[in-house]
Amino acid sequence: MDPVASTNPDTVRTFAHIGDPVPVSDHGPFWKHWFDTLVDHTPVLTRRVTTDPSDPSATHEFDSSDGVTIGARLVLPGDGRPVRASLVSVHGDMPPDPLEVNARRWQRVADRGVAVLLMRLRGYPGSRTSCGDLVKLNEHGNTWITHGFDAESHEGWILPKGVADVCNACRVMRNALLHRNTDTDIAVNDSVDHHGVYLHGSSLGGGLAVISAGQLIGKLRGESIIDRLAIAMPSLGDWATRLSAPSGAAIQIKRVIDANPDRREELLDRLKLCDAIVHGRRVRVPTFAMLARTDEIVPPHCAAAVFNSIDADPGRKWRFLIDHGHHEGDASTNRRIALYRRALCDFLDPTLAPIRSLDTWECLMHEGQHPPAGIDFNDND
């Protein structure tokens, strides 16, 4: 399904990059304890009553690990049609647009019969009522991803807690479509035997989506929990390579490691606990990724390594290429991104089988500026 991206040897090496998938020795015990703690609490999706001033447009909330309240916005089909699936979308590292603005971009997906939950990780706008602002730079120049990274125990680091936030968002949407543990009545198409749970993430959110899918898949009898995965320029993968030439979040992580030279190996092992490449091996669901040829924030070969780690059959993995990642202003790249978002609507359409959903878009996976014939499209999609 995915031909060679280019005959250029450097490009081929970039998108063929693998990284080290071997987990550290305490990977199993740590994540078993983490999962046991996760399922010991049942999160409940409720309408938001008390406004969070950091983003008043959040419509719903649920409690995640440590009792932190996670804000979100629920987007439902505009025509009132019953939903056949749910989607959780996770944002990137930079503070995202207000949820109300973000919701408009997802209405086209919702109108396919998908209940879309746009969540905000703890400490981001909309999720600050119980934990405050965890995004702003502190006195050491560190931000969200480094909170608790140098704590005495693994449990103090914010990144596994962020994974819990994503997993709990998936759990509440699964339950909401089963009419359990929610005060929100979602009109569900009862003729559907299995109401899928889809997961989407960009950059930081892409890495968290892969780790979360790896933790949820196969954990409940007879259910995959996550049925489709969409990621864009995923971060949090191939940390060893990223630290050798740090950019983006790796700069902040390296700063903490360098400030604790006597704990270097301990912190490197802790970092690898949340390496998306290690977790991707457990993910075997249809996956649609947007990857960039150049990127100053997430190195393209590291993002490609996250995608390559996913253990779905080759016929159920697609990569859509753009020229510049984490970069706005380039007209051709912006148009490619708009095309990806339009293709994403088809991939997330619960009435289309995943293996057939992107047939129309195969000719555009690596290049092209115009949509396939017959596709209703404009640059604002």
Protein backbone atom coordinates (compact mmCIF):
# COMPACT_ATOMS: atom_id res chain seq x y z
CA MET A 1 0.00 0.00 0.00
CA ASP A 2 2.99 2.29 0.58
CA PRO A 3 5.55 2.52 -2.26
CA VAL A 4 9.03 3.86 -1.74
CA ALA A 5 8.78 7.56 -0.99
CA SER A 6 11.59 8.62 -3.29
CA THR A 7 14.57 7.30 -5.19
CA ASN A 8 16.75 9.79 -3.28
CA PRO A 9 18.88 7.62 -0.95
CA ASP A 10 18.69 10.14 1.91
CA THR A 11 14.90 10.21 1.70
CA VAL A 12 14.72 6.43 1.60
CA ARG A 13 16.93 6.19 4.70
CA THR A 14 14.82 8.79 6.50
CA PHE A 15 11.53 6.94 6.08
CA ALA A 16 13.09 3.50 6.58
CA HIS A 17 14.61 4.43 9.95
CA ILE A 18 13.81 1.95 12.72
CA GLY A 19 15.42 2.95 16.03
CA ASP A 20 15.97 0.70 19.04
CA PRO A 21 12.77 -1.12 20.08
CA VAL A 22 14.28 -3.01 23.04
CA PRO A 23 12.61 -2.02 26.34
CA VAL A 24 14.52 -1.34 29.55
CA SER A 25 14.51 -4.03 32.23
CA ASP A 26 11.77 -2.49 34.38
CA HIS A 27 9.46 -1.70 31.45
CA GLY A 28 7.11 -4.61 32.16
CA PRO A 29 6.76 -4.07 35.93
CA PHE A 30 6.35 -0.31 35.57
CA TRP A 31 3.60 -0.46 32.97
CA LYS A 32 1.81 -3.33 34.71
CA HIS A 33 1.62 -1.25 37.89
CA TRP A 34 0.60 1.77 35.82
CA PHE A 35 -2.22 -0.16 34.13
CA ASP A 36 -3.46 -1.68 37.40
CA THR A 37 -3.65 1.83 38.84
CA LEU A 38 -5.42 3.10 35.72
CA VAL A 39 -8.23 0.54 35.79
CA ASP A 40 -8.65 0.83 39.55
CA HIS A 41 -10.52 4.06 38.79
CA THR A 42 -13.45 4.43 36.39
CA PRO A 43 -13.50 7.89 34.80
CA VAL A 44 -16.90 9.44 34.09
CA LEU A 45 -17.62 11.84 31.24
CA THR A 46 -19.78 14.68 32.52
CA ARG A 47 -20.90 18.05 31.28
CA ARG A 48 -18.68 20.82 32.58
CA VAL A 49 -20.48 22.97 35.15
CA THR A 50 -17.66 25.10 36.56
CA THR A 51 -15.86 27.01 33.83
CA ASP A 52 -12.08 26.79 33.52
CA PRO A 53 -11.01 30.37 32.69
CA SER A 54 -8.01 29.09 30.72
CA ASP A 55 -10.46 27.79 28.08
CA PRO A 56 -14.14 28.47 28.79
CA SER A 57 -15.17 26.62 25.63
CA ALA A 58 -14.66 23.16 27.17
CA THR A 59 -18.06 21.44 27.29
CA HIS A 60 -17.15 18.25 29.18
CA GLU A 61 -14.68 16.85 31.69
CA PHE A 62 -13.55 13.67 33.43
CA ASP A 63 -11.21 12.79 36.27
CA SER A 64 -7.90 11.17 35.37
CA SER A 65 -4.97 9.89 37.46
CA ASP A 66 -4.20 11.70 40.74
CA GLY A 67 -7.72 13.15 40.59
CA VAL A 68 -6.75 15.71 37.95
CA THR A 69 -9.73 17.05 36.02
CA ILE A 70 -9.35 16.89 32.25
CA GLY A 71 -11.32 19.34 30.14
CA ALA A 72 -12.64 18.49 26.69
CA ARG A 73 -15.13 19.46 24.04
CA LEU A 74 -17.57 17.00 22.52
CA VAL A 75 -18.34 17.40 18.82
CA LEU A 76 -21.39 15.54 17.49
CA PRO A 77 -22.87 15.23 13.99
CA GLY A 78 -24.42 18.52 12.98
CA ASP A 79 -27.43 16.89 11.36
CA GLY A 80 -28.31 14.87 14.46
CA ARG A 81 -27.54 11.53 12.86
CA PRO A 82 -26.76 8.68 15.31
CA VAL A 83 -23.07 7.95 15.77
CA ARG A 84 -21.36 4.72 14.84
CA ALA A 85 -17.95 5.36 16.42
CA SER A 86 -16.02 7.72 18.68
CA LEU A 87 -12.74 9.57 18.24
CA VAL A 88 -10.33 11.03 20.80
CA SER A 89 -7.96 13.71 19.49
CA VAL A 90 -4.78 14.74 21.36
CA HIS A 91 -2.99 18.04 20.69
CA GLY A 92 0.70 18.83 20.31
CA ASP A 93 3.24 20.40 22.64
CA MET A 94 2.42 24.05 21.94
CA PRO A 95 -0.74 25.40 23.61
CA PRO A 96 -3.49 24.65 21.08
CA ASP A 97 -6.27 26.87 19.77
CA PRO A 98 -9.33 27.24 22.02
CA LEU A 99 -11.47 24.12 21.94
CA GLU A 100 -14.30 25.99 20.26
CA VAL A 101 -12.03 26.90 17.34
CA ASN A 102 -10.56 23.40 17.16
CA ALA A 103 -14.05 21.88 17.15
CA ARG A 104 -14.92 23.54 13.85
CA ARG A 105 -12.07 21.69 12.16
CA TRP A 106 -13.48 18.35 13.31
CA GLN A 107 -17.11 18.92 12.36
CA ARG A 108 -16.63 17.24 8.97
CA VAL A 109 -15.43 14.06 10.72
CA ALA A 110 -18.27 14.23 13.24
CA ASP A 111 -20.76 14.54 10.40
CA ARG A 112 -19.63 11.10 9.18
CA GLY A 113 -21.28 9.67 12.29
CA VAL A 114 -18.42 10.04 14.80
CA ALA A 115 -18.60 11.45 18.34
CA VAL A 116 -15.35 13.44 18.58
CA LEU A 117 -13.80 14.25 21.96
CA LEU A 118 -11.15 16.97 21.80
CA MET A 119 -9.23 16.63 25.06
CA ARG A 120 -6.65 18.81 26.74
CA LEU A 121 -3.77 17.22 28.61
CA ARG A 122 -3.37 18.15 32.27
CA GLY A 123 -1.95 21.63 32.71
CA TYR A 124 -2.97 22.82 29.25
CA PRO A 125 -5.74 25.39 28.69
CA GLY A 126 -9.05 23.79 29.67
CA SER A 127 -7.41 21.33 32.08
CA ARG A 128 -6.04 23.63 34.78
CA THR A 129 -8.75 23.72 37.44
CA SER A 130 -7.05 21.09 39.62
CA CYS A 131 -3.38 21.31 38.62
CA GLY A 132 -2.67 24.83 37.38
CA ASP A 133 -0.59 25.89 34.38
CA LEU A 134 2.03 23.23 33.58
CA VAL A 135 2.98 24.64 30.18
CA LYS A 136 4.70 27.92 30.99
CA LEU A 137 8.47 27.94 31.27
CA ASN A 138 9.82 27.60 34.78
CA GLU A 139 12.98 29.18 36.14
CA HIS A 140 15.10 26.47 34.46
CA GLY A 141 13.55 27.00 31.04
CA ASN A 142 11.69 23.69 31.20
CA THR A 143 8.06 23.12 30.34
CA TRP A 144 5.35 20.41 30.31
CA ILE A 145 7.32 17.32 29.36
CA THR A 146 10.00 17.79 32.04
CA HIS A 147 7.64 18.11 35.01
CA GLY A 148 8.74 15.45 37.48
CA PHE A 149 11.23 13.90 35.06
CA ASP A 150 13.97 14.15 37.69
CA ALA A 151 11.69 13.08 40.58
CA GLU A 152 12.85 10.29 42.87
CA SER A 153 10.45 7.73 41.34
CA HIS A 154 9.12 7.06 37.85
CA GLU A 155 5.59 7.85 39.03
CA GLY A 156 6.48 11.52 39.50
CA TRP A 157 7.03 12.17 35.78
CA ILE A 158 4.17 13.86 33.96
CA LEU A 159 4.48 11.87 30.72
CA PRO A 160 2.99 8.57 32.04
CA LYS A 161 0.25 10.70 33.61
CA GLY A 162 -0.39 12.20 30.18
CA VAL A 163 -0.72 8.67 28.80
CA ALA A 164 -3.32 8.04 31.52
CA ASP A 165 -5.20 11.17 30.44
CA VAL A 166 -5.39 9.87 26.87
CA CYS A 167 -6.33 6.34 27.91
CA ASN A 168 -9.04 7.64 30.21
CA ALA A 169 -10.42 9.78 27.40
CA CYS A 170 -10.70 6.63 25.27
CA ARG A 171 -12.36 4.79 28.15
CA VAL A 172 -14.99 7.47 28.73
CA MET A 173 -15.88 7.58 25.04
CA ARG A 174 -16.16 3.81 24.88
CA ASN A 175 -18.49 3.88 27.87
CA ALA A 176 -20.47 6.85 26.57
CA LEU A 177 -21.34 4.96 23.39
CA LEU A 178 -22.41 2.04 25.58
CA HIS A 179 -24.56 4.46 27.63
CA ARG A 180 -22.46 3.84 30.74
CA ASN A 181 -20.85 6.22 33.25
CA THR A 182 -21.89 9.50 31.67
CA ASP A 183 -24.53 12.20 32.06
CA THR A 184 -24.34 12.89 28.32
CA ASP A 185 -26.86 11.14 26.12
CA ILE A 186 -25.27 10.46 22.73
CA ALA A 187 -27.59 9.21 20.01
CA VAL A 188 -26.04 5.91 18.96
CA ASN A 189 -26.79 3.79 15.91
CA ASP A 190 -27.96 0.60 17.62
CA SER A 191 -27.69 -1.45 14.43
CA VAL A 192 -23.89 -1.35 14.73
CA ASP A 193 -22.45 -4.41 16.47
CA HIS A 194 -19.22 -2.69 17.52
CA HIS A 195 -18.94 1.07 18.04
CA GLY A 196 -15.28 1.71 17.29
CA VAL A 197 -12.95 3.90 19.32
CA TYR A 198 -10.50 5.82 17.14
CA LEU A 199 -7.46 7.76 18.35
CA HIS A 200 -5.71 10.74 16.75
CA GLY A 201 -2.68 12.76 17.82
CA SER A 202 -0.27 15.33 16.43
CA SER A 203 3.39 15.76 17.44
CA LEU A 204 3.42 15.24 21.24
CA GLY A 205 -0.14 13.96 20.90
CA GLY A 206 0.96 11.55 18.18
CA GLY A 207 3.55 9.95 20.45
CA LEU A 208 1.06 9.80 23.32
CA ALA A 209 -1.51 8.22 20.98
CA VAL A 210 0.90 5.42 20.03
CA ILE A 211 1.88 4.75 23.66
CA SER A 212 -1.76 4.84 24.77
CA ALA A 213 -2.89 2.51 21.99
CA GLY A 214 -0.12 0.11 22.98
CA GLN A 215 -1.34 0.12 26.57
CA LEU A 216 -5.03 -0.34 25.74
CA ILE A 217 -4.88 -2.84 22.91
CA GLY A 218 -5.52 -6.38 24.05
CA LYS A 219 -6.04 -5.49 27.70
CA LEU A 220 -9.80 -6.22 27.81
CA ARG A 221 -11.16 -9.62 26.79
CA GLY A 222 -12.34 -9.73 23.19
CA GLU A 223 -11.78 -6.04 22.51
CA SER A 224 -8.96 -4.08 20.92
CA ILE A 225 -10.29 -0.83 22.54
CA ILE A 226 -8.51 1.21 19.85
CA ASP A 227 -9.76 0.37 16.35
CA ARG A 228 -8.07 3.00 14.16
CA LEU A 229 -5.07 5.23 14.76
CA ALA A 230 -4.14 8.50 13.03
CA ILE A 231 -0.88 10.30 13.84
CA ALA A 232 0.85 13.37 12.45
CA MET A 233 4.60 13.95 12.85
CA PRO A 234 4.64 11.84 16.06
CA SER A 235 7.13 12.77 18.75
CA LEU A 236 8.35 10.82 21.83
CA GLY A 237 10.15 8.21 19.73
CA ASP A 238 13.78 7.13 19.29
CA TRP A 239 14.98 9.18 22.24
CA ALA A 240 18.59 7.98 21.91
CA THR A 241 18.82 9.49 18.42
CA ARG A 242 16.97 12.65 19.41
CA LEU A 243 19.34 13.36 22.29
CA SER A 244 22.36 13.14 19.98
CA ALA A 245 21.14 16.24 18.10
CA PRO A 246 18.39 17.66 20.31
CA SER A 247 15.53 19.77 19.04
CA GLY A 248 12.09 20.55 20.40
CA ALA A 249 11.27 18.61 23.57
CA ALA A 250 14.63 16.79 23.42
CA ILE A 251 16.39 20.07 24.28
CA GLN A 252 14.46 20.31 27.53
CA ILE A 253 14.98 16.63 28.36
CA LYS A 254 18.73 16.85 27.70
CA ARG A 255 18.96 19.93 29.93
CA VAL A 256 17.56 17.95 32.86
CA ILE A 257 19.85 14.98 32.19
CA ASP A 258 22.92 17.20 31.96
CA ALA A 259 21.96 18.88 35.24
CA ASN A 260 21.98 15.45 36.95
CA PRO A 261 25.18 13.75 35.70
CA ASP A 262 25.23 11.27 38.59
CA ARG A 263 21.76 10.03 37.54
CA ARG A 264 22.34 9.97 33.79
CA GLU A 265 21.74 6.24 33.22
CA GLU A 266 18.72 6.23 35.53
CA LEU A 267 17.12 9.13 33.66
CA LEU A 268 17.90 7.62 30.25
CA ASP A 269 16.17 4.41 31.35
CA ARG A 270 13.22 6.45 32.61
CA LEU A 271 13.03 8.23 29.28
CA LYS A 272 12.91 4.96 27.39
CA LEU A 273 9.91 3.84 29.44
CA CYS A 274 8.01 6.36 27.32
CA ASP A 275 9.65 5.69 23.96
CA ALA A 276 6.85 5.39 21.42
CA ILE A 277 8.95 2.95 19.35
CA VAL A 278 8.92 0.42 22.19
CA HIS A 279 5.15 0.73 22.61
CA GLY A 280 4.42 0.77 18.89
CA ARG A 281 5.26 -2.93 18.63
CA ARG A 282 1.99 -3.71 20.41
CA VAL A 283 -0.12 -1.62 18.03
CA ARG A 284 -1.68 -3.70 15.26
CA VAL A 285 -4.58 -1.56 14.09
CA PRO A 286 -5.04 0.38 10.82
CA THR A 287 -2.84 3.48 10.98
CA PHE A 288 -2.76 6.62 8.85
CA ALA A 289 0.23 8.92 9.40
CA MET A 290 1.34 12.29 8.11
CA LEU A 291 5.14 12.52 8.00
CA ALA A 292 7.42 15.38 6.94
CA ARG A 293 10.54 15.34 4.80
CA THR A 294 12.07 18.16 6.88
CA ASP A 295 11.22 19.26 10.41
CA GLU A 296 13.10 21.44 12.90
CA ILE A 297 11.09 20.21 15.90
CA VAL A 298 10.64 16.44 15.44
CA PRO A 299 13.42 14.93 13.29
CA PRO A 300 11.77 13.24 10.28
CA HIS A 301 13.62 9.95 10.75
CA CYS A 302 12.52 9.77 14.39
CA ALA A 303 8.87 10.39 13.46
CA ALA A 304 9.22 7.76 10.73
CA ALA A 305 10.64 5.32 13.28
CA VAL A 306 7.47 5.69 15.37
CA PHE A 307 5.33 4.90 12.33
CA ASN A 308 7.59 1.99 11.33
CA SER A 309 7.36 0.48 14.81
CA ILE A 310 3.60 -0.02 14.50
CA ASP A 311 2.98 -3.71 13.89
CA ALA A 312 -0.05 -3.42 11.62
CA ASP A 313 -0.02 -5.36 8.36
CA PRO A 314 1.61 -3.40 5.49
CA GLY A 315 -1.78 -3.20 3.78
CA ARG A 316 -3.22 -1.38 6.81
CA LYS A 317 -0.57 1.33 7.19
CA TRP A 318 -0.45 4.51 5.13
CA ARG A 319 1.96 7.44 5.23
CA PHE A 320 1.10 10.81 3.71
CA LEU A 321 4.15 13.00 3.08
CA ILE A 322 4.51 16.77 3.36
CA ASP A 323 7.64 18.83 2.78
CA HIS A 324 7.87 20.81 6.02
CA GLY A 325 6.66 19.70 9.43
CA HIS A 326 5.84 22.07 12.31
CA HIS A 327 6.06 24.95 9.87
CA GLU A 328 3.39 27.37 8.75
CA GLY A 329 3.44 29.67 5.77
CA ASP A 330 4.61 27.38 2.99
CA ALA A 331 1.73 27.32 0.51
CA SER A 332 2.43 23.89 -0.99
CA THR A 333 2.86 22.30 2.45
CA ASN A 334 -0.32 23.94 3.73
CA ARG A 335 -2.23 22.55 0.78
CA ARG A 336 -0.78 19.07 1.37
CA ILE A 337 -1.89 19.32 5.00
CA ALA A 338 -5.38 20.31 3.87
CA LEU A 339 -5.44 17.28 1.56
CA TYR A 340 -4.34 15.04 4.43
CA ARG A 341 -7.14 16.36 6.64
CA ARG A 342 -9.64 15.63 3.91
CA ALA A 343 -8.26 12.11 3.45
CA LEU A 344 -8.39 11.69 7.22
CA CYS A 345 -12.17 12.16 7.05
CA ASP A 346 -12.40 9.08 4.83
CA PHE A 347 -10.05 7.07 7.04
CA LEU A 348 -12.16 7.91 10.11
CA ASP A 349 -15.48 7.22 8.38
CA PRO A 350 -17.03 4.27 10.29
CA THR A 351 -19.07 3.27 7.24
CA LEU A 352 -15.88 2.60 5.26
CA ALA A 353 -13.70 -0.45 5.86
CA PRO A 354 -10.20 0.79 6.84
CA ILE A 355 -8.46 -1.20 4.13
CA ARG A 356 -10.62 0.49 1.47
CA SER A 357 -11.02 3.94 3.06
CA LEU A 358 -7.96 5.49 1.42
CA ASP A 359 -8.10 3.83 -1.99
CA THR A 360 -9.04 7.13 -3.61
CA TRP A 361 -6.06 8.86 -2.00
CA GLU A 362 -3.31 6.36 -2.86
CA CYS A 363 -2.12 8.47 -5.81
CA LEU A 364 -1.54 11.44 -3.49
CA MET A 365 0.30 9.82 -0.59
CA HIS A 366 3.72 11.20 -1.58
CA GLU A 367 3.07 14.20 -3.79
CA GLY A 368 0.37 16.21 -5.53
CA GLN A 369 -1.57 19.41 -4.96
CA HIS A 370 -5.01 18.53 -6.32
CA PRO A 371 -7.62 16.21 -4.81
CA PRO A 372 -8.76 13.06 -6.60
CA ALA A 373 -11.53 13.47 -9.11
CA GLY A 374 -14.96 13.69 -7.56
CA ILE A 375 -13.73 14.78 -4.11
CA ASP A 376 -15.39 17.88 -2.66
CA PHE A 377 -12.45 19.91 -1.36
CA ASN A 378 -11.24 23.40 -0.59
CA ASP A 379 -8.08 24.66 1.11
CA ASN A 380 -9.97 25.42 4.33
CA ASP A 381 -10.99 21.80 4.91
